C-alpha atoms as a PDB file:
ATOM      1  CA  MET A   1       0.000   0.000   0.000  1.00  0.00           C
ATOM      2  CA  SER A   2       1.006   3.591  -0.466  1.00  0.00           C
ATOM      3  CA  GLU A   3       2.318   5.371   2.547  1.00  0.00           C
ATOM      4  CA  ILE A   4      -0.848   6.612   4.203  1.00  0.00           C
ATOM      5  CA  ALA A   5      -0.108   8.430   7.434  1.00  0.00           C
ATOM      6  CA  GLY A   6      -2.355   7.274  10.212  1.00  0.00           C
ATOM      7  CA  THR A   7      -2.913   5.198  13.298  1.00  0.00           C
ATOM      8  CA  PRO A   8      -4.150   1.600  13.035  1.00  0.00           C
ATOM      9  CA  GLN A   9      -7.612   1.086  14.487  1.00  0.00           C
ATOM     10  CA  ARG A  10      -9.793  -1.872  15.362  1.00  0.00           C
ATOM     11  CA  GLN A  11     -11.028  -3.195  12.017  1.00  0.00           C
ATOM     12  CA  ARG A  12     -14.346  -1.600  11.055  1.00  0.00           C
ATOM     13  CA  PRO A  13     -17.040  -3.309   8.996  1.00  0.00           C
ATOM     14  CA  THR A  14     -16.953  -2.793   5.249  1.00  0.00           C
ATOM     15  CA  SER A  15     -19.935  -2.291   2.985  1.00  0.00           C
ATOM     16  CA  CYS A  16     -18.575  -4.985   0.645  1.00  0.00           C
ATOM     17  CA  ALA A  17     -16.251  -7.729   1.876  1.00  0.00           C
ATOM     18  CA  GLU A  18     -15.875  -9.075  -1.668  1.00  0.00           C
ATOM     19  CA  ALA A  19     -14.341  -5.768  -2.844  1.00  0.00           C
ATOM     20  CA  TRP A  20     -11.088  -6.482  -0.956  1.00  0.00           C
ATOM     21  CA  LEU A  21      -8.332  -8.691  -2.378  1.00  0.00           C
ATOM     22  CA  ASN A  22      -8.431 -11.958  -0.408  1.00  0.00           C
ATOM     23  CA  GLY A  23     -10.962 -10.271   1.899  1.00  0.00           C
ATOM     24  CA  GLN A  24      -8.134  -8.373   3.610  1.00  0.00           C
ATOM     25  CA  TYR A  25      -8.133  -4.714   4.584  1.00  0.00           C
ATOM     26  CA  ALA A  26      -6.988  -2.558   7.474  1.00  0.00           C
ATOM     27  CA  THR A  27      -8.714   0.318   9.258  1.00  0.00           C
ATOM     28  CA  ILE A  28      -6.785   3.489  10.067  1.00  0.00           C
ATOM     29  CA  TRP A  29      -7.384   6.978  11.459  1.00  0.00           C
ATOM     30  CA  LEU A  30      -5.865   9.474   8.998  1.00  0.00           C
ATOM     31  CA  SER A  31      -3.328  11.759  10.641  1.00  0.00           C
ATOM     32  CA  GLU A  32      -2.775  13.694   7.399  1.00  0.00           C
ATOM     33  CA  ASP A  33      -4.879  14.579   4.373  1.00  0.00           C
ATOM     34  CA  VAL A  34      -4.757  12.012   1.543  1.00  0.00           C
ATOM     35  CA  GLU A  35      -5.237  12.802  -2.136  1.00  0.00           C
ATOM     36  CA  ALA A  36      -7.610  10.369  -3.822  1.00  0.00           C
ATOM     37  CA  VAL A  37      -9.540   9.805  -7.021  1.00  0.00           C
ATOM     38  CA  ARG A  38     -13.311   9.451  -7.014  1.00  0.00           C
ATOM     39  CA  VAL A  39     -14.595   7.489  -9.989  1.00  0.00           C
ATOM     40  CA  HIS A  40     -18.295   7.786 -10.854  1.00  0.00           C
ATOM     41  CA  VAL A  41     -20.274   5.256 -12.806  1.00  0.00           C
ATOM     42  CA  GLY A  42     -23.131   5.761 -15.244  1.00  0.00           C
ATOM     43  CA  GLY A  43     -26.604   6.230 -13.824  1.00  0.00           C
ATOM     44  CA  GLY A  44     -28.085   2.958 -12.681  1.00  0.00           C
ATOM     45  CA  VAL A  45     -24.965   0.895 -13.349  1.00  0.00           C
ATOM     46  CA  ALA A  46     -23.674   0.656  -9.811  1.00  0.00           C
ATOM     47  CA  PRO A  47     -26.966   0.166  -7.986  1.00  0.00           C
ATOM     48  CA  ALA A  48     -27.969  -2.508 -10.491  1.00  0.00           C
ATOM     49  CA  ALA A  49     -24.593  -4.214 -10.226  1.00  0.00           C
ATOM     50  CA  ARG A  50     -24.202  -4.210  -6.453  1.00  0.00           C
ATOM     51  CA  ASP A  51     -26.440  -2.772  -3.754  1.00  0.00           C
ATOM     52  CA  PHE A  52     -23.464  -1.572  -1.696  1.00  0.00           C
ATOM     53  CA  LEU A  53     -22.490   0.871  -4.441  1.00  0.00           C
ATOM     54  CA  ALA A  54     -25.821   2.675  -4.425  1.00  0.00           C
ATOM     55  CA  THR A  55     -24.640   4.981  -1.643  1.00  0.00           C
ATOM     56  CA  GLY A  56     -21.176   5.300  -3.140  1.00  0.00           C
ATOM     57  CA  SER A  57     -21.896   6.496  -6.652  1.00  0.00           C
ATOM     58  CA  GLY A  58     -22.062  10.249  -5.986  1.00  0.00           C
ATOM     59  CA  THR A  59     -19.354  12.885  -5.678  1.00  0.00           C
ATOM     60  CA  LEU A  60     -19.136  12.389  -1.931  1.00  0.00           C
ATOM     61  CA  GLY A  61     -19.457   8.606  -1.955  1.00  0.00           C
ATOM     62  CA  ARG A  62     -17.505   6.215   0.236  1.00  0.00           C
ATOM     63  CA  TRP A  63     -15.135   4.441  -2.212  1.00  0.00           C
ATOM     64  CA  PHE A  64     -11.931   6.071  -3.484  1.00  0.00           C
ATOM     65  CA  VAL A  65      -8.788   4.973  -5.258  1.00  0.00           C
ATOM     66  CA  VAL A  66      -5.345   6.014  -4.094  1.00  0.00           C
ATOM     67  CA  GLY A  67      -1.755   5.378  -5.084  1.00  0.00           C
ATOM     68  CA  ASP A  68       0.898   7.230  -6.995  1.00  0.00           C
ATOM     69  CA  VAL A  69       0.669   5.676 -10.442  1.00  0.00           C
ATOM     70  CA  ILE A  70       0.554   6.934 -14.004  1.00  0.00           C
ATOM     71  CA  LEU A  71      -1.760   4.860 -16.175  1.00  0.00           C
ATOM     72  CA  THR A  72      -4.295   5.417 -18.903  1.00  0.00           C
ATOM     73  CA  ARG A  73      -7.867   5.693 -17.699  1.00  0.00           C
ATOM     74  CA  THR A  74      -8.635   2.156 -18.938  1.00  0.00           C
ATOM     75  CA  ALA A  75      -5.579   0.581 -17.269  1.00  0.00           C
ATOM     76  CA  TYR A  76      -6.288   2.419 -14.010  1.00  0.00           C
ATOM     77  CA  THR A  77      -9.934   1.363 -14.001  1.00  0.00           C
ATOM     78  CA  ASP A  78      -8.999  -2.249 -14.754  1.00  0.00           C
ATOM     79  CA  SER A  79      -6.782  -2.405 -11.659  1.00  0.00           C
ATOM     80  CA  ARG A  80      -9.580  -1.286  -9.348  1.00  0.00           C
ATOM     81  CA  THR A  81     -12.859  -2.767  -8.131  1.00  0.00           C
ATOM     82  CA  LEU A  82     -15.090  -0.681 -10.372  1.00  0.00           C
ATOM     83  CA  PRO A  83     -18.132  -1.460 -12.480  1.00  0.00           C
ATOM     84  CA  THR A  84     -18.058  -0.585 -16.153  1.00  0.00           C
ATOM     85  CA  GLY A  85     -19.555   2.645 -17.398  1.00  0.00           C
ATOM     86  CA  VAL A  86     -17.216   5.175 -15.757  1.00  0.00           C
ATOM     87  CA  SER A  87     -18.925   8.509 -16.391  1.00  0.00           C
ATOM     88  CA  LYS A  88     -16.804  10.976 -14.421  1.00  0.00           C
ATOM     89  CA  VAL A  89     -13.538  11.196 -12.512  1.00  0.00           C
ATOM     90  CA  ASP A  90     -12.954  13.670  -9.669  1.00  0.00           C
ATOM     91  CA  TRP A  91      -9.871  14.374  -7.622  1.00  0.00           C
ATOM     92  CA  CYS A  92     -10.405  15.022  -3.933  1.00  0.00           C
ATOM     93  CA  VAL A  93      -8.764  15.113  -0.522  1.00  0.00           C
ATOM     94  CA  LEU A  94      -9.734  12.727   2.268  1.00  0.00           C
ATOM     95  CA  LYS A  95      -9.359  14.838   5.378  1.00  0.00           C
ATOM     96  CA  ALA A  96      -7.180  14.133   8.406  1.00  0.00           C
ATOM     97  CA  GLY A  97      -9.288  12.700  11.217  1.00  0.00           C
ATOM     98  CA  SER A  98     -11.241  10.395   8.912  1.00  0.00           C
ATOM     99  CA  ILE A  99     -11.526   6.687   9.655  1.00  0.00           C
ATOM    100  CA  VAL A 100     -10.924   4.616   6.508  1.00  0.00           C
ATOM    101  CA  ASN A 101     -10.600   1.008   5.442  1.00  0.00           C
ATOM    102  CA  VAL A 102      -7.592   0.528   3.148  1.00  0.00           C
ATOM    103  CA  GLY A 103      -6.419  -2.359   1.004  1.00  0.00           C
ATOM    104  CA  ARG A 104      -6.205  -3.702  -2.530  1.00  0.00           C
ATOM    105  CA  GLY A 105      -9.197  -4.226  -4.777  1.00  0.00           C
ATOM    106  CA  HIS A 106     -10.400  -7.746  -5.560  1.00  0.00           C
ATOM    107  CA  PRO A 107     -11.095  -8.596  -9.210  1.00  0.00           C
ATOM    108  CA  MET A 108     -14.750  -7.729  -9.862  1.00  0.00           C
ATOM    109  CA  PHE A 109     -16.922  -6.546 -12.734  1.00  0.00           C
ATOM    110  CA  GLY A 110     -14.545  -8.170 -15.240  1.00  0.00           C
ATOM    111  CA  HIS A 111     -11.547  -6.085 -14.096  1.00  0.00           C
ATOM    112  CA  GLY A 112      -8.217  -7.415 -12.854  1.00  0.00           C
ATOM    113  CA  GLY A 113      -8.166  -5.765  -9.418  1.00  0.00           C
ATOM    114  CA  GLY A 114      -5.047  -5.296  -7.308  1.00  0.00           C
ATOM    115  CA  GLY A 115      -5.105  -1.492  -7.175  1.00  0.00           C
ATOM    116  CA  GLU A 116      -5.097   0.437  -3.915  1.00  0.00           C
ATOM    117  CA  GLN A 117      -8.465   1.587  -2.611  1.00  0.00           C
ATOM    118  CA  VAL A 118      -9.968   3.354   0.372  1.00  0.00           C
ATOM    119  CA  GLU A 119     -13.440   3.089   1.850  1.00  0.00           C
ATOM    120  CA  LEU A 120     -14.473   6.098   3.928  1.00  0.00           C
ATOM    121  CA  VAL A 121     -15.983   4.800   7.178  1.00  0.00           C
ATOM    122  CA  SER A 122     -16.502   8.091   9.027  1.00  0.00           C
ATOM    123  CA  GLY A 123     -15.137  11.598   9.293  1.00  0.00           C
ATOM    124  CA  PRO A 124     -15.236  14.924   7.506  1.00  0.00           C
ATOM    125  CA  ALA A 125     -16.613  15.101   3.974  1.00  0.00           C
ATOM    126  CA  PRO A 126     -13.960  14.712   1.275  1.00  0.00           C
ATOM    127  CA  GLU A 127     -12.877  18.025  -0.216  1.00  0.00           C
ATOM    128  CA  PRO A 128     -13.083  18.266  -4.024  1.00  0.00           C
ATOM    129  CA  GLU A 129      -9.982  19.447  -5.905  1.00  0.00           C
ATOM    130  CA  THR A 130      -9.983  21.210  -9.241  1.00  0.00           C
ATOM    131  CA  ALA A 131      -8.137  19.365 -11.999  1.00  0.00           C
ATOM    132  CA  ASP A 132      -7.288  20.854 -15.358  1.00  0.00           C
ATOM    133  CA  GLY A 133      -7.725  18.804 -18.505  1.00  0.00           C
ATOM    134  CA  GLY A 134      -9.171  15.372 -18.981  1.00  0.00           C
ATOM    135  CA  TRP A 135      -8.071  11.825 -18.450  1.00  0.00           C
ATOM    136  CA  SER A 136      -7.787   9.768 -21.580  1.00  0.00           C
ATOM    137  CA  ASP A 137      -6.537   6.499 -22.980  1.00  0.00           C
ATOM    138  CA  ASN A 138      -3.577   8.169 -24.702  1.00  0.00           C
ATOM    139  CA  GLU A 139      -0.282   6.607 -23.709  1.00  0.00           C
ATOM    140  CA  GLY A 140       3.352   6.804 -24.682  1.00  0.00           C
ATOM    141  CA  ARG A 141       6.881   7.267 -23.426  1.00  0.00           C
ATOM    142  CA  ALA A 142       8.604  10.460 -22.374  1.00  0.00           C
END
């Protein structure tokens, strides 16, 4: 996992045990803000696919992806536990003082899994960040 500054806590329940690689995740209290990506899915896709996503499909949902990686949008999505039909991507900050479950995503929805993810358990609302430009499937070498 990425270095996420925080204090380990007693493991908190998750809204979807099958979303975690090998069912394993840890719970921590964030001692510092954490930058994260919030991926939205098309209307009706998430609730129809899994009930637990119904409350997590909005801008201030509970599921976020983290990790310092540079991938195309398709490669990034494939490494996470996300349904198809990504409709929007937002960058945000998970605030210090939040309690989160952290771990790697289990393969679901036809994706490979393995990417780092965070489930917000409790705490302050995530703070949206402004990002310039879009995120595409263009790739190459510098």
